[in-house]
Amino acid sequence: MIGRFRYESEIFYGEVKGDRINVNRGLYSDTFLLSELQLLPPTQPSKIICVGLNYRDHARELNMQVPDEPVLFLKPPSAVIGALGNIIHPDTSDRVDYEGELAVIINKRCKNIKASEARSVIMGYTCFNDVTARDLQKKDRQWTRSKSFDTFAPVGPYIASPEIDVSDLAIKTRVNGELRQDSTTANLIFDVPYLIEFITGVMTLERGDMIATGTPPGVGELMVGDVVEVEIEKIGALKNNVIAHG
């Protein structure tokens, strides 16, 4: 696992080994205790590309037809927060939902990548929460405002190895310890290599950009005071608090 940290005025990546963080300085290494460091979002994307309705069991839950090709939308980088950061419930929304997801982080600038070559552009995997103002999404009939509030893109805590097989991993979301989403990435309609080929056929991806691969069934409401946790097998657990605006 690789994490991004702050120590005093310095920001760096380090390898996570239990409660210790190893930082490669080239000719030597530093070791910190995790408790000494501020944990930051594991990436600073130029854009977050999200995929709508990409789990078969979620489509069944909504009684919707499986799409013929990925449905894409964007979240801004200003929405990103890390693990243990606060999700701010905006005053302008009466219904804010969680959506636990597997996210892919890109390792280099890329365009027109074939699915067979997708692994070469993957830095690793992490947990993501596509927080959504559901009432505003329905009101606007498009998704930009509802998906774009500051703090609506929790991600982390760390980046897991690109060598992990993500074709059948358990994905769960809990709110205040209660299991709300419980599925597996085997239910993805469009898998990670296909998504990379499709998305890079549309746009150039930059190092650090994220692809959020969609959410399983069980999406539901978040209230002020809730603690929401997205956990993905072999990848980690992303926990955030929900607080009131202002």
Protein backbone atom coordinates (compact mmCIF):
# COMPACT_ATOMS: atom_id res chain seq x y z
CA MET A 1 0.00 0.00 0.00
CA ILE A 2 1.17 3.50 -0.85
CA GLY A 3 -0.11 6.61 0.95
CA ARG A 4 0.30 10.34 0.59
CA PHE A 5 1.25 12.24 3.73
CA ARG A 6 2.22 15.58 5.17
CA TYR A 7 4.96 16.07 7.78
CA GLU A 8 5.31 19.70 8.84
CA SER A 9 5.62 21.54 5.48
CA GLU A 10 6.64 18.51 3.41
CA ILE A 11 4.25 16.35 1.36
CA PHE A 12 5.40 12.92 0.17
CA TYR A 13 4.38 9.38 -0.72
CA GLY A 14 5.32 6.50 1.53
CA GLU A 15 4.94 2.74 1.76
CA VAL A 16 2.52 1.71 4.50
CA LYS A 17 3.81 -1.06 6.75
CA GLY A 18 1.37 -1.40 9.63
CA ASP A 19 1.77 1.71 11.79
CA ARG A 20 5.02 2.72 10.07
CA ILE A 21 5.55 4.65 6.86
CA ASN A 22 8.72 4.10 4.82
CA VAL A 23 9.77 6.98 2.56
CA ASN A 24 12.29 6.34 -0.21
CA ARG A 25 14.70 9.30 -0.46
CA GLY A 26 16.82 7.79 -3.21
CA LEU A 27 20.14 7.14 -1.44
CA TYR A 28 18.45 6.53 1.91
CA SER A 29 15.04 5.97 3.48
CA ASP A 30 13.12 7.65 6.28
CA THR A 31 10.67 5.91 8.59
CA PHE A 32 7.79 7.68 10.34
CA LEU A 33 5.09 6.53 12.68
CA LEU A 34 1.66 6.88 11.10
CA SER A 35 0.60 8.90 14.15
CA GLU A 36 3.26 11.53 13.31
CA LEU A 37 1.82 12.24 9.88
CA GLN A 38 -1.26 13.85 8.39
CA LEU A 39 -2.95 11.49 5.97
CA LEU A 40 -3.82 13.18 2.66
CA PRO A 41 -5.94 12.05 -0.30
CA PRO A 42 -3.79 9.52 -2.17
CA THR A 43 -3.97 11.44 -5.44
CA GLN A 44 -4.56 14.95 -6.80
CA PRO A 45 -6.53 14.27 -9.97
CA SER A 46 -7.07 16.75 -12.77
CA LYS A 47 -10.44 15.07 -13.19
CA ILE A 48 -12.55 12.25 -11.77
CA ILE A 49 -14.34 10.17 -14.39
CA CYS A 50 -17.34 8.33 -12.97
CA VAL A 51 -19.43 5.54 -14.44
CA GLY A 52 -23.18 5.39 -13.88
CA LEU A 53 -25.19 2.16 -13.54
CA ASN A 54 -22.28 -0.26 -13.84
CA TYR A 55 -23.38 -3.12 -11.55
CA ARG A 56 -25.79 -5.79 -12.80
CA ASP A 57 -27.34 -6.20 -9.35
CA HIS A 58 -27.83 -2.42 -9.08
CA ALA A 59 -29.59 -2.38 -12.46
CA ARG A 60 -31.88 -5.19 -11.25
CA GLU A 61 -32.55 -3.28 -8.04
CA LEU A 62 -33.66 -0.23 -10.05
CA ASN A 63 -35.50 -2.35 -12.64
CA MET A 64 -33.42 -0.68 -15.35
CA GLN A 65 -32.00 -2.10 -18.56
CA VAL A 66 -28.28 -2.87 -18.59
CA PRO A 67 -26.62 -0.12 -20.67
CA ASP A 68 -24.98 -0.95 -24.01
CA GLU A 69 -21.97 1.24 -23.24
CA PRO A 70 -20.64 3.07 -20.17
CA VAL A 71 -22.50 6.18 -19.00
CA LEU A 72 -19.86 8.75 -18.02
CA PHE A 73 -19.91 11.88 -15.90
CA LEU A 74 -17.28 14.01 -14.17
CA LYS A 75 -16.62 15.21 -10.65
CA PRO A 76 -14.27 18.16 -10.07
CA PRO A 77 -10.95 17.81 -8.21
CA SER A 78 -12.20 20.43 -5.73
CA ALA A 79 -14.59 17.77 -4.37
CA VAL A 80 -11.75 15.49 -3.19
CA ILE A 81 -11.18 14.73 0.49
CA GLY A 82 -9.20 11.94 2.09
CA ALA A 83 -9.92 9.27 4.65
CA LEU A 84 -11.24 10.67 7.96
CA GLY A 85 -12.14 13.94 6.23
CA ASN A 86 -15.57 15.46 6.75
CA ILE A 87 -18.35 15.24 4.17
CA ILE A 88 -20.24 18.53 4.38
CA HIS A 89 -24.01 18.20 3.99
CA PRO A 90 -24.98 21.29 1.93
CA ASP A 91 -27.83 23.48 3.09
CA THR A 92 -29.26 23.42 -0.42
CA SER A 93 -29.94 19.67 -0.40
CA ASP A 94 -32.49 17.69 1.59
CA ARG A 95 -31.16 14.30 0.47
CA VAL A 96 -27.47 13.35 0.35
CA ASP A 97 -26.57 9.75 -0.54
CA TYR A 98 -23.49 7.52 -0.29
CA GLU A 99 -22.28 5.42 -3.24
CA GLY A 100 -19.37 3.12 -2.43
CA GLU A 101 -17.10 2.38 -5.39
CA LEU A 102 -13.83 0.89 -6.58
CA ALA A 103 -11.57 3.59 -8.05
CA VAL A 104 -8.67 3.22 -10.48
CA ILE A 105 -5.77 5.70 -10.36
CA ILE A 106 -3.90 6.39 -13.60
CA ASN A 107 -0.08 6.39 -13.62
CA LYS A 108 0.76 8.38 -16.76
CA ARG A 109 -0.65 10.57 -19.48
CA CYS A 110 -2.50 8.31 -21.89
CA LYS A 111 -4.92 8.27 -24.84
CA ASN A 112 -6.46 5.50 -26.94
CA ILE A 113 -5.32 2.64 -24.70
CA LYS A 114 -6.53 -0.82 -25.68
CA ALA A 115 -8.11 -2.99 -22.99
CA SER A 116 -5.28 -5.49 -23.44
CA GLU A 117 -2.79 -2.74 -22.49
CA ALA A 118 -4.81 -1.23 -19.64
CA ARG A 119 -2.59 -2.54 -16.84
CA SER A 120 0.33 -0.46 -18.15
CA VAL A 121 -1.48 2.78 -17.25
CA ILE A 122 -2.81 1.77 -13.81
CA MET A 123 -1.02 3.17 -10.75
CA GLY A 124 -3.27 1.21 -8.42
CA TYR A 125 -6.69 0.93 -6.81
CA THR A 126 -8.43 2.64 -3.93
CA CYS A 127 -11.84 3.15 -2.31
CA PHE A 128 -14.18 5.93 -3.40
CA ASN A 129 -17.49 7.39 -2.27
CA ASP A 130 -19.50 9.13 -5.00
CA VAL A 131 -21.48 11.34 -2.62
CA THR A 132 -24.58 12.71 -4.35
CA ALA A 133 -27.26 15.31 -3.58
CA ARG A 134 -30.03 13.05 -4.85
CA ASP A 135 -32.82 15.62 -4.73
CA LEU A 136 -30.79 18.06 -6.81
CA GLN A 137 -29.89 15.34 -9.29
CA LYS A 138 -33.60 14.66 -9.86
CA LYS A 139 -34.43 18.36 -9.97
CA ASP A 140 -31.73 19.30 -12.47
CA ARG A 141 -32.18 16.19 -14.64
CA GLN A 142 -28.42 16.19 -15.16
CA TRP A 143 -25.75 15.38 -12.64
CA THR A 144 -23.17 18.16 -12.46
CA ARG A 145 -24.45 20.14 -9.48
CA SER A 146 -25.51 17.11 -7.44
CA LYS A 147 -22.11 15.43 -7.76
CA SER A 148 -19.81 18.43 -7.46
CA PHE A 149 -20.10 19.95 -3.99
CA ASP A 150 -16.86 20.37 -2.06
CA THR A 151 -16.14 17.16 -0.06
CA PHE A 152 -18.36 15.01 -2.33
CA ALA A 153 -15.43 12.85 -3.52
CA PRO A 154 -13.91 11.01 -0.54
CA VAL A 155 -11.06 8.76 -1.67
CA GLY A 156 -8.46 6.55 0.00
CA PRO A 157 -7.04 5.80 2.37
CA TYR A 158 -4.17 4.32 0.32
CA ILE A 159 -3.29 3.11 -3.17
CA ALA A 160 -3.24 -0.68 -3.48
CA SER A 161 -1.00 -2.49 -5.96
CA PRO A 162 -1.98 -2.58 -9.66
CA GLU A 163 -1.15 -6.30 -9.56
CA ILE A 164 -4.30 -7.03 -7.52
CA ASP A 165 -6.95 -8.97 -9.43
CA VAL A 166 -10.03 -6.76 -9.05
CA SER A 167 -12.39 -9.00 -11.04
CA ASP A 168 -14.11 -10.46 -7.96
CA LEU A 169 -13.57 -8.43 -4.77
CA ALA A 170 -16.11 -7.91 -2.01
CA ILE A 171 -17.33 -4.30 -1.82
CA LYS A 172 -19.31 -3.11 1.20
CA THR A 173 -20.59 0.19 2.55
CA ARG A 174 -21.55 0.69 6.20
CA VAL A 175 -23.27 3.64 7.84
CA ASN A 176 -22.75 3.86 11.61
CA GLY A 177 -21.57 0.25 11.46
CA GLU A 178 -24.72 -1.00 9.70
CA LEU A 179 -24.14 -2.84 6.42
CA ARG A 180 -25.90 -0.98 3.58
CA GLN A 181 -24.13 -2.17 0.41
CA ASP A 182 -22.82 -5.71 -0.04
CA SER A 183 -21.75 -6.92 -3.47
CA THR A 184 -18.73 -7.97 -5.50
CA THR A 185 -16.87 -6.42 -8.40
CA ALA A 186 -17.76 -9.57 -10.35
CA ASN A 187 -21.10 -7.80 -10.88
CA LEU A 188 -19.47 -4.96 -12.86
CA ILE A 189 -21.08 -4.62 -16.28
CA PHE A 190 -17.99 -3.01 -17.80
CA ASP A 191 -14.71 -4.11 -16.22
CA VAL A 192 -11.65 -1.95 -15.60
CA PRO A 193 -9.77 -2.72 -18.87
CA TYR A 194 -12.90 -2.03 -20.92
CA LEU A 195 -13.50 1.25 -19.08
CA ILE A 196 -9.93 2.41 -19.68
CA GLU A 197 -10.22 1.68 -23.40
CA PHE A 198 -13.61 3.39 -23.62
CA ILE A 199 -12.65 6.47 -21.60
CA THR A 200 -9.25 7.03 -23.24
CA GLY A 201 -11.03 6.82 -26.58
CA VAL A 202 -12.91 9.93 -25.45
CA MET A 203 -10.38 11.95 -23.46
CA THR A 204 -6.73 12.12 -22.49
CA LEU A 205 -6.09 10.95 -18.95
CA GLU A 206 -3.33 12.48 -16.85
CA ARG A 207 -1.19 10.97 -14.13
CA GLY A 208 -3.26 10.90 -10.92
CA ASP A 209 -6.66 10.97 -12.64
CA MET A 210 -9.28 8.65 -11.19
CA ILE A 211 -11.89 6.40 -12.73
CA ALA A 212 -14.74 5.58 -10.31
CA THR A 213 -16.21 2.35 -11.61
CA GLY A 214 -19.80 2.59 -10.34
CA THR A 215 -21.76 1.59 -7.27
CA PRO A 216 -23.56 -1.64 -6.30
CA PRO A 217 -27.13 -1.85 -4.93
CA GLY A 218 -28.08 -0.46 -1.55
CA VAL A 219 -27.44 3.25 -2.15
CA GLY A 220 -29.03 5.30 0.61
CA GLU A 221 -29.19 8.50 2.62
CA LEU A 222 -26.54 10.11 4.79
CA MET A 223 -27.52 12.31 7.72
CA VAL A 224 -25.48 14.84 9.66
CA GLY A 225 -23.61 12.95 12.36
CA ASP A 226 -23.31 9.71 10.36
CA VAL A 227 -20.07 7.81 9.86
CA VAL A 228 -19.83 6.16 6.43
CA GLU A 229 -17.28 3.49 5.53
CA VAL A 230 -16.53 2.00 2.11
CA GLU A 231 -14.55 -1.24 2.35
CA ILE A 232 -13.12 -3.21 -0.58
CA GLU A 233 -11.43 -6.56 -0.14
CA LYS A 234 -7.60 -6.40 -0.46
CA ILE A 235 -7.76 -2.62 -0.99
CA GLY A 236 -8.80 -1.03 2.29
CA ALA A 237 -11.51 0.90 4.08
CA LEU A 238 -12.41 4.56 3.59
CA LYS A 239 -14.14 6.19 6.56
CA ASN A 240 -15.64 9.70 6.69
CA ASN A 241 -17.91 11.72 8.98
CA VAL A 242 -20.89 13.74 7.79
CA ILE A 243 -21.16 17.26 9.23
CA ALA A 244 -23.48 20.22 8.76
CA HIS A 245 -22.57 23.11 6.48
CA GLY A 246 -21.05 26.03 8.32
